[in-house]
Amino acid sequence: MIDFLSSIPAIEWVGYLASITVAVSLVMSSILKLRWYNLFGAILFTTYAVIIGAWPVAAVNGFIIIIDTYYLIKLYNQKSTIKVIKVNSDDMYLAEFRSMFNEELNNIFSDYNTNDDSNTHCYMLLSDMNPAGFFIGKKSDKSINIVADFALPQYRDMKLGRFLYADSELFKKIGVDTVTCTTNDKKHITYMKKLGFKRENNTFKKSV
């Protein structure tokens, strides 16, 4: 098996990698990630095609590079209107969100099963008036602990998080200056670090 793999020319590995990258792009739920993976795959395919002299393949993938680049620039320059709307903890729409993604939420947030009470603050997040996610937190004095901070897969490009924790001034309006979260989920830890949360033991904190 090793001898067979070592006998494959290096340029063919470029073609295999290009094929895998394009295939992976098709399973991305985020349009932004799909474009990036597809762009990288097209660049590899173009390189592969030029080296072996397959000019029709190079031309098609060169065109795909232009298209992906155009839409990536458009996505990064697109100004979405994000709104944060307060809802009751028993809101029917929020309940549907929580029910649909219950397993994922339980895996991410250590405090997700905390019972709702008068200190629970719930908000729906809208992007261009489309439901995009929600935030649930437990307030204590000037601190609020995240019970759930969730975005639908197609909205996981950091825009909701940046707006919520930096631009919305939501927490100042409710008298909060510190947001905390307890989680062991690696992807969510990466997300929080990108938003400026600092780790203290098993808790992440951010001043807002």
C-alpha atoms as a PDB file:
ATOM      1  CA  MET A   1       0.000   0.000   0.000  1.00  0.00           C
ATOM      2  CA  ILE A   2       2.830   2.386   0.936  1.00  0.00           C
ATOM      3  CA  ASP A   3       4.668   1.523  -2.292  1.00  0.00           C
ATOM      4  CA  PHE A   4       1.497   2.273  -4.270  1.00  0.00           C
ATOM      5  CA  LEU A   5       1.032   5.669  -2.594  1.00  0.00           C
ATOM      6  CA  SER A   6       4.687   6.598  -3.087  1.00  0.00           C
ATOM      7  CA  SER A   7       4.381   5.775  -6.793  1.00  0.00           C
ATOM      8  CA  ILE A   8       1.678   8.433  -7.334  1.00  0.00           C
ATOM      9  CA  PRO A   9       3.189  11.575  -8.940  1.00  0.00           C
ATOM     10  CA  ALA A  10       3.161  14.682  -6.727  1.00  0.00           C
ATOM     11  CA  ILE A  11       1.011  16.608  -9.217  1.00  0.00           C
ATOM     12  CA  GLU A  12      -1.739  13.987  -8.909  1.00  0.00           C
ATOM     13  CA  TRP A  13      -1.878  14.649  -5.166  1.00  0.00           C
ATOM     14  CA  VAL A  14      -2.693  18.275  -6.020  1.00  0.00           C
ATOM     15  CA  GLY A  15      -5.640  17.023  -8.069  1.00  0.00           C
ATOM     16  CA  TYR A  16      -6.827  14.745  -5.250  1.00  0.00           C
ATOM     17  CA  LEU A  17      -6.546  17.565  -2.709  1.00  0.00           C
ATOM     18  CA  ALA A  18      -8.490  19.870  -5.028  1.00  0.00           C
ATOM     19  CA  SER A  19     -11.270  17.306  -5.394  1.00  0.00           C
ATOM     20  CA  ILE A  20     -11.482  16.736  -1.628  1.00  0.00           C
ATOM     21  CA  THR A  21     -11.567  20.478  -0.915  1.00  0.00           C
ATOM     22  CA  VAL A  22     -14.398  21.100  -3.375  1.00  0.00           C
ATOM     23  CA  ALA A  23     -16.324  18.124  -1.945  1.00  0.00           C
ATOM     24  CA  VAL A  24     -15.891  19.481   1.597  1.00  0.00           C
ATOM     25  CA  SER A  25     -17.139  22.915   0.481  1.00  0.00           C
ATOM     26  CA  LEU A  26     -20.462  21.353  -0.528  1.00  0.00           C
ATOM     27  CA  VAL A  27     -21.225  20.224   3.045  1.00  0.00           C
ATOM     28  CA  MET A  28     -20.569  23.642   4.596  1.00  0.00           C
ATOM     29  CA  SER A  29     -23.746  25.137   6.095  1.00  0.00           C
ATOM     30  CA  SER A  30     -22.125  28.574   6.246  1.00  0.00           C
ATOM     31  CA  ILE A  31     -22.107  30.353   2.868  1.00  0.00           C
ATOM     32  CA  LEU A  32     -18.903  32.149   3.875  1.00  0.00           C
ATOM     33  CA  LYS A  33     -17.057  28.885   4.595  1.00  0.00           C
ATOM     34  CA  LEU A  34     -18.477  27.319   1.427  1.00  0.00           C
ATOM     35  CA  ARG A  35     -17.038  30.169  -0.664  1.00  0.00           C
ATOM     36  CA  TRP A  36     -13.616  29.975   0.996  1.00  0.00           C
ATOM     37  CA  TYR A  37     -13.297  26.197   0.598  1.00  0.00           C
ATOM     38  CA  ASN A  38     -14.589  26.366  -2.967  1.00  0.00           C
ATOM     39  CA  LEU A  39     -12.109  29.152  -3.782  1.00  0.00           C
ATOM     40  CA  PHE A  40      -9.195  27.142  -2.401  1.00  0.00           C
ATOM     41  CA  GLY A  41     -10.318  24.063  -4.354  1.00  0.00           C
ATOM     42  CA  ALA A  42     -10.611  26.084  -7.564  1.00  0.00           C
ATOM     43  CA  ILE A  43      -7.095  27.494  -7.073  1.00  0.00           C
ATOM     44  CA  LEU A  44      -5.718  23.960  -6.643  1.00  0.00           C
ATOM     45  CA  PHE A  45      -7.636  22.712  -9.687  1.00  0.00           C
ATOM     46  CA  THR A  46      -6.366  25.618 -11.791  1.00  0.00           C
ATOM     47  CA  THR A  47      -2.773  24.932 -10.701  1.00  0.00           C
ATOM     48  CA  TYR A  48      -3.190  21.233 -11.454  1.00  0.00           C
ATOM     49  CA  ALA A  49      -4.755  21.890 -14.859  1.00  0.00           C
ATOM     50  CA  VAL A  50      -2.080  24.384 -15.935  1.00  0.00           C
ATOM     51  CA  ILE A  51       0.736  21.988 -15.012  1.00  0.00           C
ATOM     52  CA  ILE A  52      -0.752  19.064 -16.963  1.00  0.00           C
ATOM     53  CA  GLY A  53      -1.882  21.300 -19.821  1.00  0.00           C
ATOM     54  CA  ALA A  54      -5.632  20.784 -19.356  1.00  0.00           C
ATOM     55  CA  TRP A  55      -6.568  24.284 -20.486  1.00  0.00           C
ATOM     56  CA  PRO A  56     -10.395  23.875 -20.533  1.00  0.00           C
ATOM     57  CA  VAL A  57     -10.262  22.740 -16.880  1.00  0.00           C
ATOM     58  CA  ALA A  58      -7.950  25.653 -16.037  1.00  0.00           C
ATOM     59  CA  ALA A  59     -10.302  28.118 -17.751  1.00  0.00           C
ATOM     60  CA  VAL A  60     -13.415  26.867 -15.924  1.00  0.00           C
ATOM     61  CA  ASN A  61     -11.738  26.907 -12.519  1.00  0.00           C
ATOM     62  CA  GLY A  62     -10.170  30.273 -13.226  1.00  0.00           C
ATOM     63  CA  PHE A  63     -13.686  31.578 -13.792  1.00  0.00           C
ATOM     64  CA  ILE A  64     -14.803  29.957 -10.507  1.00  0.00           C
ATOM     65  CA  ILE A  65     -11.961  31.777  -8.710  1.00  0.00           C
ATOM     66  CA  ILE A  66     -13.270  35.097 -10.049  1.00  0.00           C
ATOM     67  CA  ILE A  67     -16.862  34.269  -9.007  1.00  0.00           C
ATOM     68  CA  ASP A  68     -15.883  33.113  -5.500  1.00  0.00           C
ATOM     69  CA  THR A  69     -13.658  36.164  -4.988  1.00  0.00           C
ATOM     70  CA  TYR A  70     -16.466  38.485  -6.093  1.00  0.00           C
ATOM     71  CA  TYR A  71     -18.985  36.947  -3.678  1.00  0.00           C
ATOM     72  CA  LEU A  72     -16.501  36.840  -0.796  1.00  0.00           C
ATOM     73  CA  ILE A  73     -15.846  40.564  -1.195  1.00  0.00           C
ATOM     74  CA  LYS A  74     -19.590  41.117  -1.364  1.00  0.00           C
ATOM     75  CA  LEU A  75     -20.184  39.042   1.789  1.00  0.00           C
ATOM     76  CA  TYR A  76     -17.526  40.887   3.775  1.00  0.00           C
ATOM     77  CA  ASN A  77     -18.833  44.285   2.661  1.00  0.00           C
ATOM     78  CA  GLN A  78     -22.471  43.385   3.186  1.00  0.00           C
ATOM     79  CA  LYS A  79     -24.052  45.359   6.011  1.00  0.00           C
ATOM     80  CA  SER A  80     -26.691  43.250   7.700  1.00  0.00           C
ATOM     81  CA  THR A  81     -29.249  44.916   9.948  1.00  0.00           C
ATOM     82  CA  ILE A  82     -29.110  43.011  13.227  1.00  0.00           C
ATOM     83  CA  LYS A  83     -31.709  43.489  15.921  1.00  0.00           C
ATOM     84  CA  VAL A  84     -31.970  42.112  19.452  1.00  0.00           C
ATOM     85  CA  ILE A  85     -35.549  41.655  20.679  1.00  0.00           C
ATOM     86  CA  LYS A  86     -36.399  40.781  24.282  1.00  0.00           C
ATOM     87  CA  VAL A  87     -38.823  37.870  24.670  1.00  0.00           C
ATOM     88  CA  ASN A  88     -40.272  35.951  27.591  1.00  0.00           C
ATOM     89  CA  SER A  89     -38.605  32.701  28.603  1.00  0.00           C
ATOM     90  CA  ASP A  90     -41.800  30.834  27.628  1.00  0.00           C
ATOM     91  CA  ASP A  91     -42.042  32.493  24.203  1.00  0.00           C
ATOM     92  CA  MET A  92     -43.353  29.919  21.721  1.00  0.00           C
ATOM     93  CA  TYR A  93     -40.913  30.863  18.962  1.00  0.00           C
ATOM     94  CA  LEU A  94     -37.940  30.649  21.334  1.00  0.00           C
ATOM     95  CA  ALA A  95     -39.244  27.297  22.584  1.00  0.00           C
ATOM     96  CA  GLU A  96     -39.222  25.938  19.015  1.00  0.00           C
ATOM     97  CA  PHE A  97     -35.596  27.047  18.554  1.00  0.00           C
ATOM     98  CA  ARG A  98     -34.572  25.442  21.834  1.00  0.00           C
ATOM     99  CA  SER A  99     -36.408  22.215  21.063  1.00  0.00           C
ATOM    100  CA  MET A 100     -34.938  21.909  17.580  1.00  0.00           C
ATOM    101  CA  PHE A 101     -31.322  22.366  18.740  1.00  0.00           C
ATOM    102  CA  ASN A 102     -31.667  20.936  22.246  1.00  0.00           C
ATOM    103  CA  GLU A 103     -28.969  18.268  21.885  1.00  0.00           C
ATOM    104  CA  GLU A 104     -26.395  20.679  20.458  1.00  0.00           C
ATOM    105  CA  LEU A 105     -27.138  23.277  23.151  1.00  0.00           C
ATOM    106  CA  ASN A 106     -26.747  20.700  25.928  1.00  0.00           C
ATOM    107  CA  ASN A 107     -23.368  19.687  24.515  1.00  0.00           C
ATOM    108  CA  ILE A 108     -22.091  23.281  24.359  1.00  0.00           C
ATOM    109  CA  PHE A 109     -23.356  24.972  27.510  1.00  0.00           C
ATOM    110  CA  SER A 110     -22.745  23.592  30.992  1.00  0.00           C
ATOM    111  CA  ASP A 111     -25.579  25.686  32.471  1.00  0.00           C
ATOM    112  CA  TYR A 112     -28.121  25.071  29.717  1.00  0.00           C
ATOM    113  CA  ASN A 113     -30.487  23.045  31.911  1.00  0.00           C
ATOM    114  CA  THR A 114     -30.675  25.782  34.548  1.00  0.00           C
ATOM    115  CA  ASN A 115     -34.320  26.514  35.343  1.00  0.00           C
ATOM    116  CA  ASP A 116     -35.703  29.846  34.187  1.00  0.00           C
ATOM    117  CA  ASP A 117     -36.563  32.403  36.874  1.00  0.00           C
ATOM    118  CA  SER A 118     -36.993  36.164  37.297  1.00  0.00           C
ATOM    119  CA  ASN A 119     -33.249  36.656  36.683  1.00  0.00           C
ATOM    120  CA  THR A 120     -33.384  34.957  33.271  1.00  0.00           C
ATOM    121  CA  HIS A 121     -33.048  37.313  30.281  1.00  0.00           C
ATOM    122  CA  CYS A 122     -34.054  36.003  26.841  1.00  0.00           C
ATOM    123  CA  TYR A 123     -33.514  37.670  23.466  1.00  0.00           C
ATOM    124  CA  MET A 124     -34.132  36.702  19.866  1.00  0.00           C
ATOM    125  CA  LEU A 125     -31.504  37.792  17.326  1.00  0.00           C
ATOM    126  CA  LEU A 126     -32.692  38.925  13.894  1.00  0.00           C
ATOM    127  CA  SER A 127     -30.585  39.496  10.792  1.00  0.00           C
ATOM    128  CA  ASP A 128     -32.372  41.612   8.172  1.00  0.00           C
ATOM    129  CA  MET A 129     -35.548  40.724  10.081  1.00  0.00           C
ATOM    130  CA  ASN A 130     -34.894  36.989   9.663  1.00  0.00           C
ATOM    131  CA  PRO A 131     -34.646  34.864  12.841  1.00  0.00           C
ATOM    132  CA  ALA A 132     -30.939  34.099  13.175  1.00  0.00           C
ATOM    133  CA  GLY A 133     -30.393  32.993  16.770  1.00  0.00           C
ATOM    134  CA  PHE A 134     -31.039  33.708  20.418  1.00  0.00           C
ATOM    135  CA  PHE A 135     -29.352  34.603  23.704  1.00  0.00           C
ATOM    136  CA  ILE A 136     -30.350  33.452  27.195  1.00  0.00           C
ATOM    137  CA  GLY A 137     -28.543  34.630  30.313  1.00  0.00           C
ATOM    138  CA  LYS A 138     -28.844  34.571  34.111  1.00  0.00           C
ATOM    139  CA  LYS A 139     -28.281  37.998  35.638  1.00  0.00           C
ATOM    140  CA  SER A 140     -26.704  38.435  39.057  1.00  0.00           C
ATOM    141  CA  ASP A 141     -25.908  41.988  40.172  1.00  0.00           C
ATOM    142  CA  LYS A 142     -23.780  43.449  37.347  1.00  0.00           C
ATOM    143  CA  SER A 143     -22.873  40.113  35.802  1.00  0.00           C
ATOM    144  CA  ILE A 144     -24.768  37.829  33.448  1.00  0.00           C
ATOM    145  CA  ASN A 145     -23.933  34.165  32.880  1.00  0.00           C
ATOM    146  CA  ILE A 146     -24.622  32.741  29.432  1.00  0.00           C
ATOM    147  CA  VAL A 147     -27.157  29.920  29.480  1.00  0.00           C
ATOM    148  CA  ALA A 148     -27.254  29.812  25.675  1.00  0.00           C
ATOM    149  CA  ASP A 149     -25.739  31.926  22.901  1.00  0.00           C
ATOM    150  CA  PHE A 150     -26.850  30.327  19.654  1.00  0.00           C
ATOM    151  CA  ALA A 151     -26.835  31.158  15.949  1.00  0.00           C
ATOM    152  CA  LEU A 152     -28.370  29.137  13.143  1.00  0.00           C
ATOM    153  CA  PRO A 153     -25.683  27.395  11.042  1.00  0.00           C
ATOM    154  CA  GLN A 154     -26.020  29.838   8.121  1.00  0.00           C
ATOM    155  CA  TYR A 155     -25.363  32.790  10.457  1.00  0.00           C
ATOM    156  CA  ARG A 156     -22.196  31.491  12.110  1.00  0.00           C
ATOM    157  CA  ASP A 157     -19.855  34.092  10.656  1.00  0.00           C
ATOM    158  CA  MET A 158     -19.239  36.015  13.928  1.00  0.00           C
ATOM    159  CA  LYS A 159     -21.463  38.956  12.936  1.00  0.00           C
ATOM    160  CA  LEU A 160     -24.173  38.174  15.488  1.00  0.00           C
ATOM    161  CA  GLY A 161     -21.629  37.694  18.269  1.00  0.00           C
ATOM    162  CA  ARG A 162     -19.719  40.879  17.485  1.00  0.00           C
ATOM    163  CA  PHE A 163     -22.946  42.861  17.426  1.00  0.00           C
ATOM    164  CA  LEU A 164     -24.279  41.308  20.628  1.00  0.00           C
ATOM    165  CA  TYR A 165     -21.125  41.769  22.719  1.00  0.00           C
ATOM    166  CA  ALA A 166     -19.708  44.964  21.207  1.00  0.00           C
ATOM    167  CA  ASP A 167     -22.201  47.064  19.255  1.00  0.00           C
ATOM    168  CA  SER A 168     -25.669  46.453  20.659  1.00  0.00           C
ATOM    169  CA  GLU A 169     -25.088  48.028  24.103  1.00  0.00           C
ATOM    170  CA  LEU A 170     -27.661  45.501  25.322  1.00  0.00           C
ATOM    171  CA  PHE A 171     -25.766  44.677  28.489  1.00  0.00           C
ATOM    172  CA  LYS A 172     -25.247  48.305  29.463  1.00  0.00           C
ATOM    173  CA  LYS A 173     -28.993  48.837  29.151  1.00  0.00           C
ATOM    174  CA  ILE A 174     -29.699  46.075  31.671  1.00  0.00           C
ATOM    175  CA  GLY A 175     -26.939  47.136  34.056  1.00  0.00           C
ATOM    176  CA  VAL A 176     -24.388  44.441  33.208  1.00  0.00           C
ATOM    177  CA  ASP A 177     -20.644  45.021  32.913  1.00  0.00           C
ATOM    178  CA  THR A 178     -19.401  41.400  32.831  1.00  0.00           C
ATOM    179  CA  VAL A 179     -20.506  38.379  30.781  1.00  0.00           C
ATOM    180  CA  THR A 180     -19.447  34.876  31.847  1.00  0.00           C
ATOM    181  CA  CYS A 181     -19.778  31.436  30.301  1.00  0.00           C
ATOM    182  CA  THR A 182     -18.869  27.874  31.266  1.00  0.00           C
ATOM    183  CA  THR A 183     -18.268  25.431  28.423  1.00  0.00           C
ATOM    184  CA  ASN A 184     -15.939  22.631  27.376  1.00  0.00           C
ATOM    185  CA  ASP A 185     -16.933  22.726  23.704  1.00  0.00           C
ATOM    186  CA  LYS A 186     -13.781  23.422  21.664  1.00  0.00           C
ATOM    187  CA  LYS A 187     -15.561  25.237  18.825  1.00  0.00           C
ATOM    188  CA  HIS A 188     -17.426  27.499  21.229  1.00  0.00           C
ATOM    189  CA  ILE A 189     -14.229  28.194  23.165  1.00  0.00           C
ATOM    190  CA  THR A 190     -12.604  29.326  19.909  1.00  0.00           C
ATOM    191  CA  TYR A 191     -15.662  31.505  19.200  1.00  0.00           C
ATOM    192  CA  MET A 192     -15.484  33.172  22.618  1.00  0.00           C
ATOM    193  CA  LYS A 193     -11.757  33.819  22.369  1.00  0.00           C
ATOM    194  CA  LYS A 194     -12.302  35.551  19.024  1.00  0.00           C
ATOM    195  CA  LEU A 195     -14.893  37.770  20.732  1.00  0.00           C
ATOM    196  CA  GLY A 196     -12.447  38.769  23.458  1.00  0.00           C
ATOM    197  CA  PHE A 197     -13.456  36.425  26.303  1.00  0.00           C
ATOM    198  CA  LYS A 198     -10.629  35.579  28.711  1.00  0.00           C
ATOM    199  CA  ARG A 199     -10.333  32.238  30.484  1.00  0.00           C
ATOM    200  CA  GLU A 200     -10.254  32.118  34.279  1.00  0.00           C
ATOM    201  CA  ASN A 201     -10.075  28.496  35.442  1.00  0.00           C
ATOM    202  CA  ASN A 202     -13.138  26.846  33.818  1.00  0.00           C
ATOM    203  CA  THR A 203     -15.002  30.108  33.198  1.00  0.00           C
ATOM    204  CA  PHE A 204     -14.722  32.596  30.350  1.00  0.00           C
ATOM    205  CA  LYS A 205     -15.272  36.297  31.101  1.00  0.00           C
ATOM    206  CA  LYS A 206     -15.639  39.466  29.072  1.00  0.00           C
ATOM    207  CA  SER A 207     -16.127  43.063  30.162  1.00  0.00           C
ATOM    208  CA  VAL A 208     -18.877  44.809  28.209  1.00  0.00           C
END
